[in-house]
Amino acid sequence: MARRSGKKDGRWYGWAKTATQYSKYGVWIDRSTDGGRRWDGTRGSQHRDGGEAYTPMQYWPDGTWLRACVNVEGVRLKCTGWVS
């Protein structure tokens, strides 16, 4: 799983990318305004039956934090660290 970011029209965006051999999983972006103490999760959620997945780009305004998360059905939930 990886966090990605870039600018479009002068604004920052973030998205997540993952690939797995597991049969069912979901990947998404969480966004926080307080460094990860609280967040408004599951932005751009993608659910797949194995293989590679990218979330849609999510707006990343100044003063917010992002992380990427993946949940493999019946196995585990894993998130990257928060970045600002």
N, C-alpha and C. Protein backbone atom coordinates (compact mmCIF):
# COMPACT_ATOMS: atom_id res chain seq x y z
N MET A 1 0.85 -1.16 0.00
CA MET A 1 0.00 0.00 0.00
C MET A 1 0.89 1.23 0.00
N ALA A 2 0.47 2.26 -0.71
CA ALA A 2 1.26 3.49 -0.79
C ALA A 2 0.36 4.71 -0.86
N ARG A 3 0.85 5.78 -0.27
CA ARG A 3 0.20 7.09 -0.42
C ARG A 3 0.84 7.75 -1.62
N ARG A 4 0.07 8.45 -2.37
CA ARG A 4 0.57 9.23 -3.49
C ARG A 4 -0.01 10.63 -3.38
N SER A 5 0.70 11.62 -3.93
CA SER A 5 0.17 12.98 -3.92
C SER A 5 0.69 13.73 -5.14
N GLY A 6 -0.01 14.77 -5.49
CA GLY A 6 0.40 15.60 -6.62
C GLY A 6 -0.51 16.82 -6.73
N LYS A 7 -0.09 17.76 -7.57
CA LYS A 7 -0.87 18.97 -7.77
C LYS A 7 -1.63 18.90 -9.09
N LYS A 8 -2.83 19.45 -9.07
CA LYS A 8 -3.65 19.59 -10.26
C LYS A 8 -4.32 20.95 -10.15
N ASP A 9 -4.17 21.77 -11.17
CA ASP A 9 -4.74 23.12 -11.15
C ASP A 9 -4.27 23.91 -9.93
N GLY A 10 -3.02 23.68 -9.50
CA GLY A 10 -2.44 24.41 -8.38
C GLY A 10 -2.90 23.96 -7.01
N ARG A 11 -3.69 22.88 -6.91
CA ARG A 11 -4.19 22.37 -5.64
C ARG A 11 -3.63 20.98 -5.40
N TRP A 12 -3.31 20.66 -4.11
CA TRP A 12 -2.79 19.34 -3.76
C TRP A 12 -3.90 18.32 -3.64
N TYR A 13 -3.59 17.09 -4.09
CA TYR A 13 -4.50 15.95 -3.99
C TYR A 13 -3.70 14.75 -3.52
N GLY A 14 -4.39 13.82 -2.89
CA GLY A 14 -3.76 12.58 -2.47
C GLY A 14 -4.61 11.40 -2.89
N TRP A 15 -3.98 10.24 -3.05
CA TRP A 15 -4.70 9.02 -3.36
C TRP A 15 -3.91 7.83 -2.84
N ALA A 16 -4.53 6.67 -2.81
CA ALA A 16 -3.88 5.45 -2.32
C ALA A 16 -3.78 4.44 -3.45
N LYS A 17 -2.75 3.63 -3.38
CA LYS A 17 -2.53 2.56 -4.35
C LYS A 17 -2.17 1.30 -3.57
N THR A 18 -2.73 0.18 -3.97
CA THR A 18 -2.36 -1.09 -3.34
C THR A 18 -2.51 -2.23 -4.33
N ALA A 19 -1.84 -3.31 -4.04
CA ALA A 19 -1.97 -4.55 -4.81
C ALA A 19 -1.84 -5.70 -3.82
N THR A 20 -2.64 -6.72 -3.99
CA THR A 20 -2.62 -7.85 -3.07
C THR A 20 -3.05 -9.12 -3.77
N GLN A 21 -2.64 -10.23 -3.23
CA GLN A 21 -3.08 -11.52 -3.75
C GLN A 21 -4.36 -11.98 -3.06
N TYR A 22 -4.79 -11.27 -1.98
CA TYR A 22 -6.01 -11.66 -1.29
C TYR A 22 -7.23 -11.40 -2.17
N SER A 23 -8.28 -12.19 -1.93
CA SER A 23 -9.41 -12.13 -2.84
C SER A 23 -10.33 -10.94 -2.64
N LYS A 24 -10.51 -10.44 -1.42
CA LYS A 24 -11.42 -9.30 -1.23
C LYS A 24 -10.77 -8.29 -0.31
N TYR A 25 -10.70 -7.04 -0.76
CA TYR A 25 -10.13 -5.99 0.08
C TYR A 25 -10.69 -4.64 -0.32
N GLY A 26 -10.51 -3.68 0.57
CA GLY A 26 -10.91 -2.30 0.30
C GLY A 26 -9.73 -1.39 0.59
N VAL A 27 -9.62 -0.30 -0.14
CA VAL A 27 -8.56 0.69 0.06
C VAL A 27 -9.20 2.07 0.04
N TRP A 28 -8.72 2.98 0.89
CA TRP A 28 -9.31 4.32 0.98
C TRP A 28 -8.32 5.30 1.58
N ILE A 29 -8.72 6.57 1.60
CA ILE A 29 -7.96 7.67 2.20
C ILE A 29 -8.74 8.18 3.41
N ASP A 30 -8.04 8.41 4.53
CA ASP A 30 -8.61 9.12 5.68
C ASP A 30 -8.05 10.53 5.67
N ARG A 31 -8.85 11.52 6.07
CA ARG A 31 -8.39 12.91 6.16
C ARG A 31 -8.70 13.46 7.54
N SER A 32 -7.73 14.17 8.15
CA SER A 32 -7.86 14.71 9.50
C SER A 32 -7.46 16.18 9.52
N THR A 33 -8.06 16.93 10.43
CA THR A 33 -7.67 18.33 10.61
C THR A 33 -6.90 18.54 11.90
N ASP A 34 -6.71 17.46 12.69
CA ASP A 34 -6.01 17.60 13.98
C ASP A 34 -4.88 16.58 14.16
N GLY A 35 -4.20 16.24 13.08
CA GLY A 35 -3.05 15.35 13.16
C GLY A 35 -3.37 13.89 13.39
N GLY A 36 -4.62 13.49 13.19
CA GLY A 36 -5.00 12.09 13.28
C GLY A 36 -5.74 11.70 14.54
N ARG A 37 -6.02 12.65 15.44
CA ARG A 37 -6.81 12.31 16.63
C ARG A 37 -8.26 11.97 16.24
N ARG A 38 -8.79 12.69 15.26
CA ARG A 38 -10.12 12.41 14.68
C ARG A 38 -9.97 12.52 13.18
N TRP A 39 -10.78 11.79 12.43
CA TRP A 39 -10.71 11.86 10.98
C TRP A 39 -12.06 11.54 10.36
N ASP A 40 -12.21 11.97 9.12
CA ASP A 40 -13.42 11.68 8.34
C ASP A 40 -13.04 10.66 7.29
N GLY A 41 -13.10 9.40 7.63
CA GLY A 41 -12.52 8.32 6.84
C GLY A 41 -13.26 7.91 5.59
N THR A 42 -12.71 6.92 4.97
CA THR A 42 -13.17 6.22 3.76
C THR A 42 -13.45 7.13 2.58
N ARG A 43 -12.59 8.08 2.32
CA ARG A 43 -12.71 8.91 1.12
C ARG A 43 -12.20 8.13 -0.08
N GLY A 44 -12.99 8.09 -1.13
CA GLY A 44 -12.56 7.43 -2.37
C GLY A 44 -12.43 5.93 -2.25
N SER A 45 -13.21 5.32 -1.41
CA SER A 45 -13.11 3.88 -1.14
C SER A 45 -13.25 3.05 -2.42
N GLN A 46 -12.37 2.08 -2.57
CA GLN A 46 -12.42 1.13 -3.68
C GLN A 46 -12.43 -0.28 -3.11
N HIS A 47 -13.32 -1.14 -3.59
CA HIS A 47 -13.38 -2.53 -3.15
C HIS A 47 -13.05 -3.41 -4.35
N ARG A 48 -12.16 -4.39 -4.14
CA ARG A 48 -11.69 -5.23 -5.25
C ARG A 48 -11.68 -6.70 -4.87
N ASP A 49 -11.58 -7.52 -5.87
CA ASP A 49 -11.39 -8.96 -5.70
C ASP A 49 -9.99 -9.32 -6.15
N GLY A 50 -8.98 -8.81 -5.44
CA GLY A 50 -7.58 -9.09 -5.76
C GLY A 50 -7.04 -8.13 -6.80
N GLY A 51 -5.73 -8.15 -6.96
CA GLY A 51 -5.08 -7.31 -7.95
C GLY A 51 -4.76 -5.92 -7.43
N GLU A 52 -4.64 -4.96 -8.33
CA GLU A 52 -4.21 -3.60 -8.02
C GLU A 52 -5.40 -2.66 -7.98
N ALA A 53 -5.35 -1.66 -7.07
CA ALA A 53 -6.42 -0.67 -6.99
C ALA A 53 -5.85 0.69 -6.64
N TYR A 54 -6.44 1.72 -7.22
CA TYR A 54 -6.14 3.12 -6.90
C TYR A 54 -7.44 3.76 -6.43
N THR A 55 -7.36 4.63 -5.41
CA THR A 55 -8.54 5.41 -5.05
C THR A 55 -8.58 6.62 -5.99
N PRO A 56 -9.74 7.23 -6.15
CA PRO A 56 -9.79 8.51 -6.86
C PRO A 56 -8.99 9.56 -6.08
N MET A 57 -8.53 10.59 -6.77
CA MET A 57 -7.81 11.68 -6.11
C MET A 57 -8.74 12.38 -5.13
N GLN A 58 -8.22 12.69 -3.94
CA GLN A 58 -8.97 13.38 -2.91
C GLN A 58 -8.30 14.71 -2.61
N TYR A 59 -9.08 15.78 -2.59
CA TYR A 59 -8.55 17.12 -2.31
C TYR A 59 -7.85 17.13 -0.95
N TRP A 60 -6.68 17.77 -0.88
CA TRP A 60 -5.84 17.81 0.31
C TRP A 60 -5.57 19.26 0.67
N PRO A 61 -6.52 19.94 1.31
CA PRO A 61 -6.34 21.36 1.61
C PRO A 61 -5.24 21.59 2.65
N ASP A 62 -4.67 22.78 2.65
CA ASP A 62 -3.67 23.15 3.65
C ASP A 62 -4.22 22.93 5.04
N GLY A 63 -3.36 22.47 5.94
CA GLY A 63 -3.77 22.27 7.33
C GLY A 63 -4.43 20.94 7.60
N THR A 64 -4.49 20.05 6.62
CA THR A 64 -5.07 18.72 6.85
C THR A 64 -4.00 17.65 6.73
N TRP A 65 -4.30 16.48 7.24
CA TRP A 65 -3.42 15.32 7.24
C TRP A 65 -4.11 14.20 6.48
N LEU A 66 -3.34 13.39 5.76
CA LEU A 66 -3.89 12.23 5.04
C LEU A 66 -3.16 10.96 5.43
N ARG A 67 -3.86 9.84 5.33
CA ARG A 67 -3.24 8.52 5.41
C ARG A 67 -4.02 7.59 4.49
N ALA A 68 -3.36 6.53 4.04
CA ALA A 68 -4.00 5.52 3.20
C ALA A 68 -4.23 4.27 4.04
N CYS A 69 -5.37 3.61 3.84
CA CYS A 69 -5.71 2.40 4.60
C CYS A 69 -6.18 1.30 3.65
N VAL A 70 -5.92 0.06 4.06
CA VAL A 70 -6.42 -1.10 3.33
C VAL A 70 -6.97 -2.09 4.36
N ASN A 71 -8.09 -2.71 4.02
CA ASN A 71 -8.70 -3.72 4.87
C ASN A 71 -8.90 -4.98 4.03
N VAL A 72 -8.15 -6.02 4.37
CA VAL A 72 -8.30 -7.31 3.68
C VAL A 72 -9.33 -8.11 4.45
N GLU A 73 -10.39 -8.51 3.75
CA GLU A 73 -11.52 -9.18 4.40
C GLU A 73 -11.07 -10.39 5.20
N GLY A 74 -11.40 -10.37 6.49
CA GLY A 74 -11.09 -11.49 7.35
C GLY A 74 -9.64 -11.60 7.78
N VAL A 75 -8.79 -10.66 7.38
CA VAL A 75 -7.36 -10.77 7.70
C VAL A 75 -6.90 -9.63 8.58
N ARG A 76 -6.93 -8.38 8.08
CA ARG A 76 -6.42 -7.27 8.87
C ARG A 76 -6.73 -5.92 8.24
N LEU A 77 -6.62 -4.89 9.09
CA LEU A 77 -6.70 -3.50 8.68
C LEU A 77 -5.31 -2.91 8.86
N LYS A 78 -4.84 -2.17 7.86
CA LYS A 78 -3.51 -1.57 7.95
C LYS A 78 -3.57 -0.18 7.35
N CYS A 79 -2.94 0.80 8.01
CA CYS A 79 -2.90 2.17 7.52
C CYS A 79 -1.46 2.68 7.53
N THR A 80 -1.16 3.59 6.62
CA THR A 80 0.13 4.27 6.63
C THR A 80 0.11 5.28 7.78
N GLY A 81 1.24 5.91 8.05
CA GLY A 81 1.26 7.00 9.01
C GLY A 81 0.60 8.24 8.41
N TRP A 82 0.26 9.17 9.27
CA TRP A 82 -0.33 10.45 8.83
C TRP A 82 0.74 11.35 8.24
N VAL A 83 0.41 12.09 7.17
CA VAL A 83 1.31 13.08 6.60
C VAL A 83 0.54 14.39 6.40
N SER A 84 1.26 15.49 6.56
CA SER A 84 0.61 16.80 6.38
C SER A 84 1.20 17.51 5.19
